[in-house]
Amino acid sequence: MMPHSVFLTGASGFVGRAILDRLQADDVSVVVALRHSSKLLGVSVPSVRFEAFDGDNDWGSSLAQCDVVIHSAARVHVMNDTEVDPLAAFRKVNVQGTLNLARQAASAGVKRFIFISSIKVNGEGTTPGTAYTADDTPAPADPYGISKMEAEQGLWEIARATGMEVVVIRPVLVYGPGVKANFLSMMRWLDKGIPLPFGAIDNRRSLVARDNLVDLVVTCIAHSAAAGQTFLVSDGEDLSTTGLLRKMAKALDKPARLLPIPSWVLESGARLLGKRALSQRLCGSLQVDISKTRSLLGWVPPISVDEALKITARHFQESSKK
């Protein structure tokens, strides 16, 4: 049984907008928190305006109408952060803003708080054949991951003090229609038929289609077993970078022109160019074990990798024609 109303943050974002669309399709009443209402043009939904998401927001009576908060707003990870003190900037939004919202939610009688965290709380990568689990000791390695971990810890303290149920979801790399950053770059390269030196990368990485992530979030709204738990989420099919590019090329109906350059050559070149982080994403492994998510919730990713890539590729190609 769905709740009477959901308070959703980050509703104009890559993941948040998809959550909003799904909730509206399921006839769930939604109140959204937005900085710029123009980003939801054409969508009829009650909204609360704010200027900056931090520890000073007053969410007023809006939370009193809601049974569940889905918190997807965040200061997201950026490759080249220009902040003088990145950790302070992440903490202001991801820790102070999150915990301020959670305290107000508990005071307003919200029953459940669903927090979209990050796999970066676990760490930056795994060794081949091993996978992160939801119950591993956190080992974040950058300011973004540290801020998400601190937000999780604060939420558990609030849950213990108030009785509000908390659910934490840590996604891996999310892709889908409208995806940006490196995923979009790879699609562009493949679509143009550019030869790529990624034909011999034998790593393993977990990914999650946006539709699969949204389905898990919606499942956690009312599932009794979700309360007080941390869940990892992926498509359930780990791929090498080489394997992903081949599947992506197939989804685009393009040939995969992949040159078999050894990973160690790519990693050495990346270090010389100061691109160690990018090298880790392309050549390193990061796998997650979603058996807890499956067993506790009876959840199965509803969309396969191949299907999700076809949807993503179709959107990319249609957008490129405009």
Protein backbone atom coordinates (compact mmCIF):
# COMPACT_ATOMS: atom_id res chain seq x y z
CA MET A 1 0.00 0.00 0.00
CA MET A 2 1.45 3.35 -1.07
CA PRO A 3 1.64 6.28 1.35
CA HIS A 4 -0.69 9.26 1.21
CA SER A 5 2.06 11.59 0.06
CA VAL A 6 5.80 11.72 -0.69
CA PHE A 7 8.12 14.70 -0.20
CA LEU A 8 10.75 14.50 -2.95
CA THR A 9 13.95 16.53 -3.17
CA GLY A 10 16.07 16.82 -6.31
CA ALA A 11 12.98 16.37 -8.50
CA SER A 12 14.58 18.12 -11.48
CA GLY A 13 17.73 16.00 -11.41
CA PHE A 14 18.72 13.00 -13.51
CA VAL A 15 17.43 10.50 -10.93
CA GLY A 16 14.92 12.69 -9.10
CA ARG A 17 12.90 13.54 -12.22
CA ALA A 18 12.60 9.83 -13.05
CA ILE A 19 11.40 9.14 -9.50
CA LEU A 20 8.80 11.91 -9.87
CA ASP A 21 7.57 10.51 -13.18
CA ARG A 22 7.24 7.03 -11.67
CA LEU A 23 5.38 8.28 -8.59
CA GLN A 24 2.95 10.24 -10.73
CA ALA A 25 2.43 7.20 -12.96
CA ASP A 26 1.62 5.21 -9.81
CA ASP A 27 -0.85 7.92 -8.69
CA VAL A 28 1.17 8.79 -5.60
CA SER A 29 0.67 12.31 -4.25
CA VAL A 30 3.99 14.17 -4.42
CA VAL A 31 5.32 17.44 -3.01
CA VAL A 32 8.68 18.47 -4.48
CA ALA A 33 11.46 20.76 -3.27
CA LEU A 34 12.92 22.86 -6.08
CA ARG A 35 15.38 25.70 -6.57
CA HIS A 36 14.04 26.53 -10.03
CA SER A 37 10.43 25.59 -10.75
CA SER A 38 11.01 26.28 -14.44
CA LYS A 39 12.93 22.98 -14.65
CA LEU A 40 9.63 21.14 -14.22
CA LEU A 41 7.70 23.01 -16.89
CA GLY A 42 4.67 21.04 -17.98
CA VAL A 43 4.51 19.03 -14.76
CA SER A 44 1.67 19.80 -12.36
CA VAL A 45 2.87 19.11 -8.84
CA PRO A 46 2.90 21.06 -5.55
CA SER A 47 6.34 22.48 -4.86
CA VAL A 48 8.37 24.20 -2.17
CA ARG A 49 10.92 26.76 -3.36
CA PHE A 50 14.34 27.20 -1.79
CA GLU A 51 17.45 29.14 -2.70
CA ALA A 52 20.22 26.87 -1.47
CA PHE A 53 20.01 23.41 0.06
CA ASP A 54 21.85 23.64 3.38
CA GLY A 55 21.27 23.45 7.11
CA ASP A 56 19.12 26.61 7.21
CA ASN A 57 16.13 25.54 5.11
CA ASP A 58 12.72 25.74 6.74
CA TRP A 59 10.47 23.14 5.16
CA GLY A 60 7.47 24.44 7.08
CA SER A 61 4.13 22.69 6.86
CA SER A 62 4.94 20.83 3.63
CA LEU A 63 6.43 17.88 5.49
CA ALA A 64 3.35 17.57 7.68
CA GLN A 65 1.38 16.45 4.63
CA CYS A 66 3.77 13.60 3.86
CA ASP A 67 4.36 10.06 5.08
CA VAL A 68 7.67 9.52 3.29
CA VAL A 69 10.65 11.66 2.28
CA ILE A 70 12.75 10.62 -0.72
CA HIS A 71 15.93 12.66 -0.57
CA SER A 72 17.78 12.64 -3.88
CA ALA A 73 19.10 16.22 -3.87
CA ALA A 74 22.86 16.50 -3.32
CA ARG A 75 26.02 18.31 -4.21
CA VAL A 76 27.21 15.71 -6.66
CA HIS A 77 30.70 14.40 -7.29
CA VAL A 78 32.69 16.49 -9.77
CA MET A 79 35.96 15.52 -11.43
CA ASN A 80 37.62 18.95 -11.21
CA ASP A 81 36.26 20.69 -8.13
CA THR A 82 37.13 24.40 -7.97
CA GLU A 83 36.14 24.86 -4.32
CA VAL A 84 38.94 25.95 -2.00
CA ASP A 85 37.64 23.47 0.60
CA PRO A 86 35.66 20.78 -1.27
CA LEU A 87 34.87 18.79 1.87
CA ALA A 88 33.27 21.83 3.54
CA ALA A 89 31.20 22.48 0.41
CA PHE A 90 30.01 18.87 0.30
CA ARG A 91 29.26 18.84 4.02
CA LYS A 92 27.12 21.98 3.83
CA VAL A 93 24.71 20.38 1.36
CA ASN A 94 25.09 16.62 1.77
CA VAL A 95 25.44 16.51 5.56
CA GLN A 96 24.00 19.67 7.10
CA GLY A 97 21.21 19.99 4.53
CA THR A 98 20.27 16.31 4.75
CA LEU A 99 20.21 16.18 8.56
CA ASN A 100 18.27 19.45 8.83
CA LEU A 101 15.64 17.99 6.50
CA ALA A 102 15.58 14.71 8.43
CA ARG A 103 15.14 16.40 11.82
CA GLN A 104 12.26 18.47 10.50
CA ALA A 105 10.74 15.39 8.88
CA ALA A 106 10.85 13.48 12.17
CA SER A 107 9.29 16.43 14.01
CA ALA A 108 6.52 16.59 11.41
CA GLY A 109 5.66 12.93 11.88
CA VAL A 110 7.15 11.57 8.66
CA LYS A 111 7.26 7.77 8.96
CA ARG A 112 10.10 6.93 6.57
CA PHE A 113 13.13 8.78 5.16
CA ILE A 114 14.73 7.26 2.03
CA PHE A 115 18.24 8.58 1.40
CA ILE A 116 19.92 8.22 -1.99
CA SER A 117 23.55 7.84 -0.97
CA SER A 118 26.48 6.57 -3.07
CA ILE A 119 28.66 3.51 -3.50
CA LYS A 120 31.55 5.90 -2.81
CA VAL A 121 30.73 5.37 0.87
CA ASN A 122 32.13 1.86 0.41
CA GLY A 123 35.19 3.02 -1.50
CA GLU A 124 36.62 3.59 -4.95
CA GLY A 125 37.12 0.10 -6.25
CA THR A 126 37.30 -3.63 -5.64
CA THR A 127 39.83 -6.29 -6.50
CA PRO A 128 38.82 -8.70 -9.28
CA GLY A 129 36.46 -11.39 -8.02
CA THR A 130 35.39 -9.48 -4.90
CA ALA A 131 32.42 -7.20 -4.38
CA TYR A 132 31.26 -4.58 -1.92
CA THR A 133 28.39 -5.52 0.37
CA ALA A 134 25.93 -3.27 2.18
CA ASP A 135 27.39 -4.23 5.54
CA ASP A 136 31.06 -3.56 4.75
CA THR A 137 32.92 -1.04 6.88
CA PRO A 138 32.75 2.29 5.01
CA ALA A 139 35.98 3.45 3.40
CA PRO A 140 35.25 6.62 1.41
CA ALA A 141 38.29 8.11 -0.30
CA ASP A 142 37.13 11.53 -1.47
CA PRO A 143 35.17 14.49 -0.02
CA TYR A 144 31.95 13.47 -1.77
CA GLY A 145 32.07 9.94 -0.37
CA ILE A 146 32.99 11.23 3.10
CA SER A 147 30.02 13.62 3.07
CA LYS A 148 27.62 10.86 2.09
CA MET A 149 28.98 8.59 4.84
CA GLU A 150 28.61 11.33 7.45
CA ALA A 151 25.04 11.97 6.29
CA GLU A 152 24.23 8.27 6.68
CA GLN A 153 25.70 8.21 10.18
CA GLY A 154 23.69 11.29 11.17
CA LEU A 155 20.50 9.76 9.79
CA TRP A 156 20.95 6.61 11.88
CA GLU A 157 21.37 8.78 14.97
CA ILE A 158 18.15 10.63 14.17
CA ALA A 159 16.36 7.33 13.57
CA ARG A 160 17.43 6.01 16.97
CA ALA A 161 16.40 9.23 18.72
CA THR A 162 13.04 9.73 17.00
CA GLY A 163 11.81 6.38 15.73
CA MET A 164 11.56 7.65 12.13
CA GLU A 165 12.43 4.81 9.77
CA VAL A 166 15.51 5.38 7.62
CA VAL A 167 16.38 3.54 4.41
CA VAL A 168 19.75 4.10 2.70
CA ILE A 169 20.32 3.21 -0.95
CA ARG A 170 23.84 3.30 -2.40
CA PRO A 171 23.76 3.25 -6.21
CA VAL A 172 26.72 2.54 -8.45
CA LEU A 173 27.11 4.49 -11.72
CA VAL A 174 23.60 5.34 -12.95
CA TYR A 175 22.87 5.48 -16.68
CA GLY A 176 19.78 6.02 -18.78
CA PRO A 177 18.20 8.50 -21.20
CA GLY A 178 19.91 11.86 -20.81
CA VAL A 179 22.99 10.49 -19.04
CA LYS A 180 25.97 12.86 -19.05
CA ALA A 181 29.73 12.76 -18.34
CA ASN A 182 31.90 9.82 -19.40
CA PHE A 183 28.97 7.59 -20.37
CA LEU A 184 27.73 10.19 -22.85
CA SER A 185 31.25 10.69 -24.20
CA MET A 186 31.59 6.96 -24.89
CA MET A 187 28.28 6.92 -26.76
CA ARG A 188 29.39 9.87 -28.88
CA TRP A 189 32.69 8.18 -29.74
CA LEU A 190 30.99 4.95 -30.71
CA ASP A 191 28.28 6.71 -32.69
CA LYS A 192 30.95 8.53 -34.73
CA GLY A 193 32.85 5.29 -35.33
CA ILE A 194 36.00 6.57 -33.64
CA PRO A 195 38.52 3.78 -32.90
CA LEU A 196 38.98 3.46 -29.13
CA PRO A 197 41.94 1.87 -27.29
CA PHE A 198 39.68 -0.10 -24.92
CA GLY A 199 39.53 -3.53 -26.54
CA ALA A 200 41.53 -5.46 -23.94
CA ILE A 201 40.25 -4.28 -20.54
CA ASP A 202 39.42 -7.25 -18.33
CA ASN A 203 37.94 -5.44 -15.36
CA ARG A 204 34.45 -5.83 -13.86
CA ARG A 205 32.14 -2.96 -13.01
CA SER A 206 28.61 -2.86 -11.68
CA LEU A 207 26.22 -0.34 -13.24
CA VAL A 208 22.57 0.45 -12.62
CA ALA A 209 19.99 1.56 -15.14
CA ARG A 210 18.03 4.54 -13.88
CA ASP A 211 14.76 2.63 -14.26
CA ASN A 212 16.11 -0.15 -12.04
CA LEU A 213 17.22 2.33 -9.37
CA VAL A 214 13.84 4.07 -9.44
CA ASP A 215 12.06 0.74 -9.11
CA LEU A 216 14.07 -0.05 -5.97
CA VAL A 217 13.37 3.40 -4.51
CA VAL A 218 9.63 2.90 -5.06
CA THR A 219 9.83 -0.59 -3.57
CA CYS A 220 11.40 0.90 -0.43
CA ILE A 221 8.55 3.37 0.07
CA ALA A 222 6.26 0.85 1.75
CA HIS A 223 8.15 -2.46 2.07
CA SER A 224 8.25 -3.39 5.76
CA ALA A 225 11.65 -5.11 5.47
CA ALA A 226 13.31 -1.96 4.11
CA ALA A 227 13.16 -0.02 7.38
CA GLY A 228 16.53 0.44 9.05
CA GLN A 229 18.49 -1.08 6.18
CA THR A 230 21.23 -0.10 3.74
CA PHE A 231 20.92 -1.47 0.22
CA LEU A 232 23.34 -1.63 -2.69
CA VAL A 233 21.79 -1.57 -6.14
CA SER A 234 22.95 -2.60 -9.60
CA ASP A 235 21.63 -4.28 -12.74
CA GLY A 236 22.90 -7.62 -11.44
CA GLU A 237 25.21 -8.05 -14.44
CA ASP A 238 28.80 -6.86 -14.09
CA LEU A 239 30.66 -5.88 -17.24
CA SER A 240 34.18 -5.10 -18.32
CA THR A 241 34.71 -1.72 -19.96
CA THR A 242 35.33 -3.61 -23.19
CA GLY A 243 32.11 -5.61 -22.77
CA LEU A 244 30.11 -2.47 -21.99
CA LEU A 245 31.40 -0.69 -25.09
CA ARG A 246 30.50 -3.68 -27.27
CA LYS A 247 26.97 -3.78 -25.85
CA MET A 248 26.67 -0.02 -26.21
CA ALA A 249 27.77 -0.18 -29.85
CA LYS A 250 25.20 -2.89 -30.51
CA ALA A 251 22.48 -0.75 -28.91
CA LEU A 252 23.53 2.13 -31.19
CA ASP A 253 23.63 -0.24 -34.18
CA LYS A 254 27.22 0.78 -34.78
CA PRO A 255 30.44 -1.24 -35.10
CA ALA A 256 32.64 -1.34 -32.01
CA ARG A 257 36.08 -0.30 -33.23
CA LEU A 258 38.08 -1.26 -30.16
CA LEU A 259 41.85 -1.54 -30.28
CA PRO A 260 43.36 -4.20 -27.95
CA ILE A 261 45.73 -1.91 -26.02
CA PRO A 262 46.83 -3.53 -22.71
CA SER A 263 45.35 -1.98 -19.58
CA TRP A 264 48.78 -1.30 -18.10
CA VAL A 265 49.64 0.89 -21.08
CA LEU A 266 46.44 2.91 -20.65
CA GLU A 267 47.00 3.24 -16.89
CA SER A 268 50.60 4.39 -17.36
CA GLY A 269 49.56 6.97 -19.92
CA ALA A 270 46.74 8.23 -17.70
CA ARG A 271 49.13 8.71 -14.78
CA LEU A 272 51.50 10.72 -16.96
CA LEU A 273 48.60 12.93 -18.04
CA GLY A 274 47.31 13.37 -14.48
CA LYS A 275 44.14 11.36 -15.25
CA ARG A 276 44.48 8.67 -12.58
CA ALA A 277 40.80 8.94 -11.55
CA LEU A 278 39.61 8.48 -15.13
CA SER A 279 41.96 5.54 -15.53
CA GLN A 280 40.43 3.91 -12.43
CA ARG A 281 36.95 4.24 -13.91
CA LEU A 282 37.99 2.77 -17.25
CA CYS A 283 40.42 0.07 -16.17
CA GLY A 284 39.67 -0.64 -12.51
CA SER A 285 36.98 -2.87 -11.05
CA LEU A 286 34.07 -1.90 -8.85
CA GLN A 287 31.55 -4.64 -8.14
CA VAL A 288 28.65 -4.76 -5.71
CA ASP A 289 26.80 -7.69 -4.20
CA ILE A 290 23.04 -7.06 -4.28
CA SER A 291 22.04 -10.38 -2.69
CA LYS A 292 20.81 -8.58 0.45
CA THR A 293 18.63 -6.30 -1.67
CA ARG A 294 17.22 -9.31 -3.49
CA SER A 295 16.62 -11.48 -0.43
CA LEU A 296 15.20 -8.92 2.03
CA LEU A 297 12.94 -7.18 -0.47
CA GLY A 298 12.32 -9.93 -3.00
CA TRP A 299 13.54 -7.37 -5.53
CA VAL A 300 14.79 -8.22 -9.00
CA PRO A 301 16.05 -5.58 -11.46
CA PRO A 302 13.09 -5.28 -13.85
CA ILE A 303 15.15 -4.18 -16.87
CA SER A 304 18.15 -6.01 -18.35
CA VAL A 305 21.38 -4.26 -19.28
CA ASP A 306 20.72 -4.82 -22.99
CA GLU A 307 17.22 -3.37 -22.79
CA ALA A 308 18.37 -0.39 -20.71
CA LEU A 309 21.20 0.36 -23.15
CA LYS A 310 18.77 0.25 -26.08
CA ILE A 311 16.51 2.79 -24.35
CA THR A 312 19.51 4.99 -23.56
CA ALA A 313 20.89 4.74 -27.10
CA ARG A 314 17.51 5.50 -28.67
CA HIS A 315 17.16 8.67 -26.59
CA PHE A 316 20.72 9.71 -27.46
CA GLN A 317 20.16 9.26 -31.18
CA GLU A 318 16.80 11.05 -31.16
CA SER A 319 18.28 13.94 -29.20
CA SER A 320 21.23 14.18 -31.61
CA LYS A 321 18.83 14.79 -34.50
CA LYS A 322 17.28 17.86 -32.88
